[in-house]
Amino acid sequence: MKSMFTRLGMTAFAVLVLISCGGDPNIESAKLNLSRRDYDKALESVDAAIAMTPTNPLAHYYRAYILLEQGKRQPVGNRESYFIKADSSFDKASELYEAQPQPGKEYALIEINRVNTWVEEYNAAIYVLNQDQGADMTEEQYSKSIAHLSNAYAILPDSLNALDILGEIHLMRNDDANALAIFQKAIAADGVQLPFRYQRISQLKVRAQAYAEAEAILKTGIEKFPDSVELVQELADLFIQSNEADKAIAVLGELVARDPDNAQYRMVYGIQIYSVTQSISDELRNTYTSIEDLNRTIREEERKSRPDRTLLAQYRATLTQYTNEANAAETRMNGLTDRAEAELKKSIELIDTNAFAYNALGTIYYNKGLGFLDKRNATSDNAQATEFDRLGRNFLEASLPYNERAAQLDPENTDYWMFLFRIYTMLGMTEKAAEAQQKAGL
């Protein structure tokens, strides 16, 4: 009995020494096979080590490392499954190392291996995307970049940047279903969240005509990012598309109320209010065209030797209806325009270097001028026509300082110079028109 006890004691002592020194023969065998690049045998060895001692972090580390090396030697489209398994083994190794008083040196290598692999795959995807810029991407290029990004996410799922680019690629391919799935996966994942993901999901929902779902995801995004102008603007645009202009204005009004001295908020609010007037303006222009046509028809009927009095009465009744509609639309449009103008002026007071705000104000005055010129064309009263022409020119002139300031602040913007060219031409300012035309690149 004593001899047997001694043999058992010596065996236990030997195992204790082996473990404390990290000299597991299976691990040593795995290292040897790794040096020979025999990854299958190396994996067999670490699996045997894990079977013998499941809590050995070194075995899990080497299992992850071997899977990583195996994956890298696969075609790009076949690596993802290897990287997913490697990520899982790295997680297990980290968990076991962190439970130790002093983690081994391999613990620090876990993140290095992950990040290096992520960088390799991510950069490879970007390289493919940057090839042949200006030309259409081939399906082979799309597939290759998608595979690289999927591999990057597989080995480092905490970094959501790979998912963002992946979603954008699916959008480039007009693959809405996969794009939606990717962006939904991104907002459901742990990690740094970004407002634009909610915006992308909303846009995809709108494309699928799922407007209620688009509204819901935007509201969720705004709850998480209450100061995101982009999300609030997107929700306002959604309300505009749904013919709910008052809701659109209210949403942006809440943004301004939270920070009244924010020039950007004021500008966005003013532009959104003014955007509502555009549909009214289009309708008004159509109404004025109808009035102009109807006045011409009435004059033609009146010139006949025997005008049809009944027909003339019908024409005049319709003309009254058109005029009332135009007056109501003009009243609403003027009220909204005044509000937009006030917000944009406040924005410029707060920050006087925003070219876009100046251009927006110039656009308001320009469109006011066009409105009076439309009224000039629609009236049969010469005195009224003269007055409308004067008012129209006055507003065109009033738009010039704002548009000129916009072009001064952003001289490379050819749209601003094109706008000025148009106004100068309408006002008969030929020299300035020629200068603006040249700067517009025409």
Protein backbone atom coordinates (compact mmCIF):
# COMPACT_ATOMS: atom_id res chain seq x y z
CA MET A 1 0.00 0.00 0.00
CA LYS A 2 2.80 2.37 0.88
CA SER A 3 4.49 1.78 -2.47
CA MET A 4 1.23 2.44 -4.35
CA PHE A 5 0.60 5.62 -2.30
CA THR A 6 4.10 6.80 -3.10
CA ARG A 7 3.62 6.19 -6.82
CA LEU A 8 0.26 8.09 -6.77
CA GLY A 9 1.80 10.92 -4.82
CA MET A 10 4.70 11.20 -7.24
CA THR A 11 2.30 11.19 -10.22
CA ALA A 12 0.18 13.97 -8.71
CA PHE A 13 3.32 15.98 -7.99
CA ALA A 14 4.49 15.57 -11.59
CA VAL A 15 1.13 16.80 -12.96
CA LEU A 16 1.19 19.76 -10.60
CA VAL A 17 4.64 20.75 -11.81
CA LEU A 18 3.59 20.31 -15.45
CA ILE A 19 0.53 22.53 -15.10
CA SER A 20 2.28 25.19 -13.06
CA CYS A 21 5.00 25.45 -15.66
CA GLY A 22 2.48 25.56 -18.52
CA GLY A 23 4.18 22.54 -20.05
CA ASP A 24 1.08 20.66 -21.25
CA PRO A 25 2.46 18.22 -23.85
CA ASN A 26 -0.62 18.84 -26.04
CA ILE A 27 0.14 22.56 -26.09
CA GLU A 28 3.77 21.85 -26.91
CA SER A 29 2.64 19.54 -29.70
CA ALA A 30 0.33 22.29 -31.02
CA LYS A 31 3.22 24.78 -31.03
CA LEU A 32 5.42 22.33 -32.89
CA ASN A 33 2.75 21.68 -35.51
CA LEU A 34 2.14 25.40 -35.81
CA SER A 35 5.80 25.93 -36.63
CA ARG A 36 5.39 23.28 -39.33
CA ARG A 37 2.14 24.95 -40.49
CA ASP A 38 0.29 21.71 -39.96
CA TYR A 39 -2.83 23.43 -38.67
CA ASP A 40 -5.07 20.38 -38.62
CA LYS A 41 -2.74 18.49 -36.27
CA ALA A 42 -2.17 21.64 -34.20
CA LEU A 43 -5.92 21.98 -33.76
CA GLU A 44 -6.20 18.32 -32.73
CA SER A 45 -3.58 18.93 -30.06
CA VAL A 46 -5.24 21.99 -28.52
CA ASP A 47 -8.63 20.28 -28.59
CA ALA A 48 -7.04 17.42 -26.64
CA ALA A 49 -5.60 19.97 -24.19
CA ILE A 50 -9.02 21.55 -23.72
CA ALA A 51 -10.63 18.12 -23.22
CA MET A 52 -8.08 17.37 -20.49
CA THR A 53 -8.19 20.83 -18.84
CA PRO A 54 -11.18 22.94 -20.03
CA THR A 55 -10.08 25.88 -17.86
CA ASN A 56 -6.65 26.23 -19.43
CA PRO A 57 -6.71 29.72 -21.07
CA LEU A 58 -3.56 29.00 -23.07
CA ALA A 59 -5.28 26.11 -24.86
CA HIS A 60 -8.22 28.34 -25.83
CA TYR A 61 -5.82 31.07 -26.96
CA TYR A 62 -3.95 28.70 -29.24
CA ARG A 63 -7.19 27.25 -30.55
CA ALA A 64 -8.27 30.76 -31.59
CA TYR A 65 -4.86 31.53 -33.08
CA ILE A 66 -4.83 28.30 -35.12
CA LEU A 67 -8.35 28.93 -36.44
CA LEU A 68 -7.29 32.46 -37.37
CA GLU A 69 -4.31 31.19 -39.33
CA GLN A 70 -6.42 28.50 -41.01
CA GLY A 71 -8.98 31.11 -42.02
CA LYS A 72 -6.42 33.49 -43.49
CA ARG A 73 -5.28 30.73 -45.83
CA GLN A 74 -8.78 30.20 -47.19
CA PRO A 75 -10.27 32.06 -50.16
CA VAL A 76 -11.76 35.35 -48.96
CA GLY A 77 -15.32 34.04 -49.20
CA ASN A 78 -14.59 31.04 -46.95
CA ARG A 79 -12.90 32.77 -44.00
CA GLU A 80 -15.90 33.98 -42.02
CA SER A 81 -16.75 30.68 -40.30
CA TYR A 82 -13.14 30.26 -39.15
CA PHE A 83 -13.05 33.80 -37.78
CA ILE A 84 -16.33 33.35 -35.93
CA LYS A 85 -14.92 30.26 -34.17
CA ALA A 86 -11.65 32.08 -33.48
CA ASP A 87 -13.54 34.98 -31.94
CA SER A 88 -15.43 32.60 -29.66
CA SER A 89 -12.19 30.91 -28.52
CA PHE A 90 -10.52 34.29 -27.93
CA ASP A 91 -13.52 35.26 -25.77
CA LYS A 92 -13.16 32.08 -23.71
CA ALA A 93 -9.41 32.61 -23.31
CA SER A 94 -9.98 36.21 -22.17
CA GLU A 95 -12.58 35.11 -19.64
CA LEU A 96 -10.22 32.50 -18.17
CA TYR A 97 -7.20 34.81 -18.17
CA GLU A 98 -9.15 37.56 -16.39
CA ALA A 99 -10.03 35.11 -13.61
CA GLN A 100 -6.33 34.63 -12.90
CA PRO A 101 -4.34 36.87 -10.51
CA GLN A 102 -1.71 37.44 -13.19
CA PRO A 103 -2.81 36.74 -16.79
CA GLY A 104 -0.17 35.25 -19.07
CA LYS A 105 1.60 37.14 -21.81
CA GLU A 106 -0.76 35.66 -24.42
CA TYR A 107 -3.65 37.60 -22.84
CA ALA A 108 -2.27 40.86 -24.29
CA LEU A 109 -1.92 39.21 -27.71
CA ILE A 110 -5.63 38.41 -27.99
CA GLU A 111 -6.67 41.96 -28.88
CA ILE A 112 -3.61 42.46 -31.07
CA ASN A 113 -4.47 39.38 -33.14
CA ARG A 114 -8.08 40.45 -33.46
CA VAL A 115 -7.33 44.04 -34.43
CA ASN A 116 -4.58 43.13 -36.89
CA THR A 117 -6.88 40.69 -38.68
CA TRP A 118 -9.70 43.24 -38.67
CA VAL A 119 -7.43 45.88 -40.20
CA GLU A 120 -6.25 43.48 -42.91
CA GLU A 121 -9.77 42.52 -43.94
CA TYR A 122 -11.20 46.05 -43.64
CA ASN A 123 -8.39 47.63 -45.66
CA ALA A 124 -8.72 44.92 -48.30
CA ALA A 125 -12.44 45.77 -48.63
CA ILE A 126 -11.72 49.50 -48.94
CA TYR A 127 -9.04 48.81 -51.54
CA VAL A 128 -11.54 46.92 -53.67
CA LEU A 129 -14.10 49.71 -53.30
CA ASN A 130 -11.55 52.36 -54.31
CA GLN A 131 -10.56 50.56 -57.49
CA ASP A 132 -11.84 51.99 -60.77
CA GLN A 133 -13.35 55.06 -59.15
CA GLY A 134 -15.86 56.70 -61.47
CA ALA A 135 -16.68 53.38 -63.13
CA ASP A 136 -19.48 51.01 -62.20
CA MET A 137 -18.53 48.35 -59.68
CA THR A 138 -18.73 44.80 -60.95
CA GLU A 139 -20.64 42.13 -59.05
CA GLU A 140 -17.32 40.40 -58.42
CA GLN A 141 -15.96 43.55 -56.74
CA TYR A 142 -19.12 43.92 -54.66
CA SER A 143 -18.94 40.29 -53.55
CA LYS A 144 -15.26 40.53 -52.67
CA SER A 145 -15.66 43.70 -50.61
CA ILE A 146 -18.71 42.22 -48.84
CA ALA A 147 -16.74 39.07 -47.97
CA HIS A 148 -13.81 41.07 -46.56
CA LEU A 149 -16.11 43.21 -44.41
CA SER A 150 -18.01 40.16 -43.17
CA ASN A 151 -14.67 38.64 -42.16
CA ALA A 152 -13.67 41.83 -40.34
CA TYR A 153 -16.92 41.87 -38.38
CA ALA A 154 -16.60 38.15 -37.59
CA ILE A 155 -13.25 38.54 -35.82
CA LEU A 156 -14.08 41.85 -34.09
CA PRO A 157 -17.86 42.19 -33.66
CA ASP A 158 -17.47 45.05 -31.17
CA SER A 159 -16.42 47.33 -34.03
CA LEU A 160 -19.55 48.29 -35.97
CA ASN A 161 -17.75 50.28 -38.65
CA ALA A 162 -17.50 47.18 -40.82
CA LEU A 163 -21.28 46.76 -40.63
CA ASP A 164 -21.83 50.40 -41.60
CA ILE A 165 -19.73 50.07 -44.74
CA LEU A 166 -21.33 46.72 -45.48
CA GLY A 167 -24.79 48.30 -45.30
CA GLU A 168 -23.70 51.10 -47.62
CA ILE A 169 -22.41 48.58 -50.15
CA HIS A 170 -25.75 46.80 -50.18
CA LEU A 171 -27.40 50.18 -50.77
CA MET A 172 -25.03 50.77 -53.70
CA ARG A 173 -26.19 47.43 -55.12
CA ASN A 174 -29.85 48.39 -54.53
CA ASP A 175 -30.12 45.35 -52.27
CA ASP A 176 -32.53 46.94 -49.80
CA ALA A 177 -33.32 43.73 -47.92
CA ASN A 178 -29.69 43.01 -47.00
CA ALA A 179 -28.97 46.68 -46.31
CA LEU A 180 -31.90 46.82 -43.89
CA ALA A 181 -30.80 43.62 -42.15
CA ILE A 182 -27.26 44.96 -41.71
CA PHE A 183 -28.30 48.33 -40.27
CA GLN A 184 -30.80 46.65 -37.95
CA LYS A 185 -28.02 44.32 -36.80
CA ALA A 186 -25.82 47.35 -36.13
CA ILE A 187 -28.33 49.14 -33.90
CA ALA A 188 -29.05 45.91 -32.02
CA ALA A 189 -25.35 45.26 -31.32
CA ASP A 190 -23.28 46.40 -28.39
CA GLY A 191 -20.88 49.19 -29.22
CA VAL A 192 -20.89 52.86 -30.13
CA GLN A 193 -24.19 53.81 -31.75
CA LEU A 194 -24.54 56.49 -34.43
CA PRO A 195 -27.64 58.45 -35.52
CA PHE A 196 -27.18 57.80 -39.22
CA ARG A 197 -28.04 54.10 -38.78
CA TYR A 198 -31.57 55.05 -37.75
CA GLN A 199 -31.72 57.43 -40.69
CA ARG A 200 -30.72 54.67 -43.12
CA ILE A 201 -33.33 52.27 -41.73
CA SER A 202 -36.00 54.95 -42.04
CA GLN A 203 -35.02 55.66 -45.66
CA LEU A 204 -35.24 51.96 -46.48
CA LYS A 205 -38.65 51.73 -44.81
CA VAL A 206 -39.86 54.70 -46.84
CA ARG A 207 -38.64 53.02 -50.03
CA ALA A 208 -40.72 50.01 -49.01
CA GLN A 209 -43.66 52.39 -48.33
CA ALA A 210 -43.67 51.30 -44.67
CA TYR A 211 -44.19 54.88 -43.46
CA ALA A 212 -45.38 54.04 -39.95
CA GLU A 213 -42.28 51.89 -39.37
CA ALA A 214 -40.08 54.67 -40.75
CA GLU A 215 -41.63 57.15 -38.34
CA ALA A 216 -41.23 54.73 -35.41
CA ILE A 217 -37.51 54.09 -36.03
CA LEU A 218 -36.82 57.82 -36.39
CA LYS A 219 -38.59 58.56 -33.12
CA THR A 220 -36.53 55.83 -31.44
CA GLY A 221 -33.38 57.39 -32.86
CA ILE A 222 -34.39 60.86 -31.69
CA GLU A 223 -34.98 59.52 -28.17
CA LYS A 224 -31.40 58.24 -28.15
CA PHE A 225 -29.94 61.28 -29.95
CA PRO A 226 -32.24 64.23 -29.15
CA ASP A 227 -29.80 66.76 -30.63
CA SER A 228 -29.41 65.02 -33.98
CA VAL A 229 -30.47 67.57 -36.59
CA GLU A 230 -30.29 64.90 -39.29
CA LEU A 231 -32.81 62.62 -37.58
CA VAL A 232 -35.19 65.47 -36.77
CA GLN A 233 -34.88 66.73 -40.35
CA GLU A 234 -35.56 63.21 -41.65
CA LEU A 235 -38.70 62.97 -39.51
CA ALA A 236 -39.84 66.37 -40.72
CA ASP A 237 -39.26 65.32 -44.34
CA LEU A 238 -41.28 62.18 -43.69
CA PHE A 239 -44.18 64.28 -42.42
CA ILE A 240 -43.90 66.47 -45.52
CA GLN A 241 -44.15 63.40 -47.75
CA SER A 242 -47.21 62.33 -45.78
CA ASN A 243 -48.81 65.78 -46.31
CA GLU A 244 -48.52 66.54 -42.59
CA ALA A 245 -46.74 69.87 -42.86
CA ASP A 246 -47.83 71.11 -39.44
CA LYS A 247 -46.24 68.07 -37.77
CA ALA A 248 -43.02 68.69 -39.69
CA ILE A 249 -42.85 72.28 -38.49
CA ALA A 250 -43.70 71.28 -34.91
CA VAL A 251 -40.91 68.67 -34.78
CA LEU A 252 -38.28 71.22 -35.79
CA GLY A 253 -39.81 73.84 -33.54
CA GLU A 254 -39.13 71.56 -30.56
CA LEU A 255 -35.49 71.33 -31.62
CA VAL A 256 -35.16 75.13 -31.71
CA ALA A 257 -36.97 75.49 -28.38
CA ARG A 258 -34.32 73.32 -26.69
CA ASP A 259 -31.51 75.57 -27.93
CA PRO A 260 -32.80 78.93 -29.23
CA ASP A 261 -29.32 80.32 -29.87
CA ASN A 262 -28.24 77.44 -32.10
CA ALA A 263 -27.78 78.96 -35.57
CA GLN A 264 -27.85 75.56 -37.28
CA TYR A 265 -31.19 74.68 -35.70
CA ARG A 266 -32.62 78.04 -36.72
CA MET A 267 -31.43 77.58 -40.28
CA VAL A 268 -32.84 74.06 -40.59
CA TYR A 269 -36.12 75.19 -39.04
CA GLY A 270 -36.42 78.12 -41.44
CA ILE A 271 -35.60 76.01 -44.47
CA GLN A 272 -38.10 73.33 -43.43
CA ILE A 273 -40.86 75.92 -42.94
CA TYR A 274 -40.06 77.38 -46.32
CA SER A 275 -40.01 73.97 -47.98
CA VAL A 276 -43.70 73.66 -47.09
CA THR A 277 -44.39 76.74 -49.20
CA GLN A 278 -42.90 75.14 -52.29
CA SER A 279 -45.84 72.82 -52.90
CA ILE A 280 -48.19 75.75 -52.22
CA SER A 281 -46.17 77.87 -54.64
CA ASP A 282 -46.43 75.20 -57.35
CA GLU A 283 -50.17 74.99 -56.89
CA LEU A 284 -50.42 78.79 -56.90
CA ARG A 285 -48.42 79.04 -60.11
CA ASN A 286 -50.77 76.52 -61.73
CA THR A 287 -53.76 78.52 -60.49
CA TYR A 288 -52.33 81.76 -61.90
CA THR A 289 -51.77 79.99 -65.23
CA SER A 290 -55.41 78.87 -65.18
CA ILE A 291 -56.50 82.44 -64.38
CA GLU A 292 -54.37 83.79 -67.23
CA ASP A 293 -55.83 81.24 -69.66
CA LEU A 294 -59.37 81.91 -68.47
CA ASN A 295 -58.95 85.70 -68.83
CA ARG A 296 -57.78 85.12 -72.40
CA THR A 297 -60.79 82.89 -73.08
CA ILE A 298 -63.17 85.53 -71.65
CA ARG A 299 -61.62 88.27 -73.82
CA GLU A 300 -61.95 86.09 -76.89
CA GLU A 301 -65.61 85.39 -76.13
CA GLU A 302 -66.32 89.08 -75.44
CA ARG A 303 -64.83 90.07 -78.83
CA LYS A 304 -67.30 87.90 -80.69
CA SER A 305 -70.13 89.69 -82.44
CA ARG A 306 -72.62 87.67 -80.41
CA PRO A 307 -70.92 86.56 -77.17
CA ASP A 308 -72.52 83.70 -75.25
CA ARG A 309 -73.67 85.40 -72.03
CA THR A 310 -74.35 82.10 -70.26
CA LEU A 311 -70.89 80.83 -71.10
CA LEU A 312 -69.32 84.12 -69.98
CA ALA A 313 -71.16 83.86 -66.64
CA GLN A 314 -69.76 80.37 -66.15
CA TYR A 315 -66.26 81.56 -67.02
CA ARG A 316 -66.48 84.46 -64.58
CA ALA A 317 -67.79 82.20 -61.81
CA THR A 318 -64.86 79.87 -62.38
CA LEU A 319 -62.52 82.87 -62.46
CA THR A 320 -63.86 83.99 -59.06
CA GLN A 321 -63.30 80.48 -57.69
CA TYR A 322 -59.71 80.44 -58.98
CA THR A 323 -59.06 83.89 -57.56
CA ASN A 324 -60.39 82.90 -54.12
CA GLU A 325 -58.23 79.75 -54.15
CA ALA A 326 -55.18 81.79 -55.14
CA ASN A 327 -55.82 84.36 -52.38
CA ALA A 328 -56.19 81.64 -49.71
CA ALA A 329 -53.05 79.86 -50.87
CA GLU A 330 -51.13 83.13 -51.03
CA THR A 331 -52.19 84.07 -47.50
CA ARG A 332 -50.98 80.72 -46.11
CA MET A 333 -47.79 80.85 -48.14
CA ASN A 334 -47.00 84.41 -47.04
CA GLY A 335 -47.47 83.50 -43.38
CA LEU A 336 -45.10 80.54 -43.66
CA THR A 337 -42.62 82.56 -45.71
CA ASP A 338 -42.52 85.30 -43.08
CA ARG A 339 -41.79 82.71 -40.38
CA ALA A 340 -39.05 81.11 -42.48
CA GLU A 341 -37.54 84.50 -43.21
CA ALA A 342 -37.45 85.38 -39.50
CA GLU A 343 -35.74 82.12 -38.58
CA LEU A 344 -33.11 82.48 -41.30
CA LYS A 345 -32.37 86.06 -40.33
CA LYS A 346 -31.95 84.94 -36.73
CA SER A 347 -29.58 82.21 -37.91
CA ILE A 348 -27.47 84.79 -39.75
CA GLU A 349 -27.46 87.06 -36.71
CA LEU A 350 -26.05 84.20 -34.65
CA ILE A 351 -23.48 83.12 -37.26
CA ASP A 352 -22.93 85.40 -40.25
CA THR A 353 -20.62 83.09 -42.22
CA ASN A 354 -23.10 80.41 -43.29
CA ALA A 355 -23.36 80.64 -47.08
CA PHE A 356 -26.27 78.21 -47.18
CA ALA A 357 -28.39 80.40 -44.86
CA TYR A 358 -27.71 83.47 -47.02
CA ASN A 359 -28.61 81.55 -50.16
CA ALA A 360 -31.85 80.35 -48.54
CA LEU A 361 -32.82 83.93 -47.68
CA GLY A 362 -31.95 85.07 -51.18
CA THR A 363 -34.12 82.27 -52.55
CA ILE A 364 -37.07 83.45 -50.48
CA TYR A 365 -36.88 86.97 -51.91
CA TYR A 366 -36.28 85.64 -55.40
CA ASN A 367 -39.38 83.47 -55.23
CA LYS A 368 -41.40 86.35 -53.84
CA GLY A 369 -40.35 88.32 -56.89
CA LEU A 370 -41.37 85.50 -59.23
CA GLY A 371 -44.73 85.33 -57.44
CA PHE A 372 -45.49 88.96 -58.26
CA LEU A 373 -44.34 88.47 -61.85
CA ASP A 374 -46.76 85.53 -62.12
CA LYS A 375 -49.54 87.77 -60.79
CA ARG A 376 -48.53 90.40 -63.33
CA ASN A 377 -49.03 87.88 -66.12
CA ALA A 378 -52.34 86.66 -64.69
CA THR A 379 -54.08 90.03 -64.36
CA SER A 380 -55.96 91.83 -67.13
CA ASP A 381 -55.72 95.16 -65.28
CA ASN A 382 -52.84 97.20 -66.74
CA ALA A 383 -52.40 99.33 -63.62
CA GLN A 384 -52.22 96.20 -61.47
CA ALA A 385 -49.81 94.59 -63.91
CA THR A 386 -47.49 97.61 -63.65
CA GLU A 387 -47.59 97.50 -59.84
CA PHE A 388 -46.97 93.75 -59.74
CA ASP A 389 -44.03 94.19 -62.10
CA ARG A 390 -42.54 96.86 -59.81
CA LEU A 391 -42.96 94.69 -56.70
CA GLY A 392 -41.51 91.66 -58.49
CA ARG A 393 -38.38 93.58 -59.52
CA ASN A 394 -38.02 95.01 -56.01
CA PHE A 395 -37.93 91.54 -54.49
CA LEU A 396 -35.47 90.33 -57.11
CA GLU A 397 -33.23 93.25 -56.20
CA ALA A 398 -33.71 92.50 -52.48
CA SER A 399 -32.50 88.94 -53.07
CA LEU A 400 -29.19 90.09 -54.54
CA PRO A 401 -27.28 91.04 -51.34
CA TYR A 402 -28.04 87.64 -49.80
CA ASN A 403 -27.10 85.68 -52.90
CA GLU A 404 -23.98 87.78 -53.43
CA ARG A 405 -22.95 87.17 -49.82
CA ALA A 406 -23.45 83.42 -50.31
CA ALA A 407 -21.23 83.46 -53.39
CA GLN A 408 -18.64 85.54 -51.53
CA LEU A 409 -18.54 83.04 -48.66
CA ASP A 410 -18.43 80.01 -50.97
CA PRO A 411 -16.99 81.22 -54.29
CA GLU A 412 -16.37 77.68 -55.56
CA ASN A 413 -20.08 76.88 -55.50
CA THR A 414 -21.14 77.29 -59.13
CA ASP A 415 -24.82 76.96 -58.22
CA TYR A 416 -24.65 80.28 -56.37
CA TRP A 417 -23.12 82.01 -59.38
CA MET A 418 -25.70 80.42 -61.68
CA PHE A 419 -28.45 81.76 -59.44
CA LEU A 420 -26.90 85.25 -59.57
CA PHE A 421 -26.57 85.02 -63.35
CA ARG A 422 -30.28 84.32 -63.60
CA ILE A 423 -31.25 87.27 -61.37
CA TYR A 424 -28.84 89.72 -63.03
CA THR A 425 -30.24 88.72 -66.42
CA MET A 426 -33.85 89.25 -65.31
CA LEU A 427 -32.93 92.69 -63.96
CA GLY A 428 -31.04 93.65 -67.12
CA MET A 429 -27.68 93.89 -65.33
CA THR A 430 -25.70 92.59 -68.30
CA GLU A 431 -22.13 93.17 -67.09
CA LYS A 432 -22.72 91.48 -63.75
CA ALA A 433 -24.62 88.71 -65.54
CA ALA A 434 -21.62 88.05 -67.79
CA GLU A 435 -19.27 87.95 -64.79
CA ALA A 436 -21.56 85.53 -62.90
CA GLN A 437 -21.93 83.39 -66.02
CA GLN A 438 -18.15 83.03 -66.27
CA LYS A 439 -17.82 82.09 -62.58
CA ALA A 440 -20.65 79.60 -63.00
CA GLY A 441 -18.49 77.85 -65.59
CA LEU A 442 -20.88 78.47 -68.48
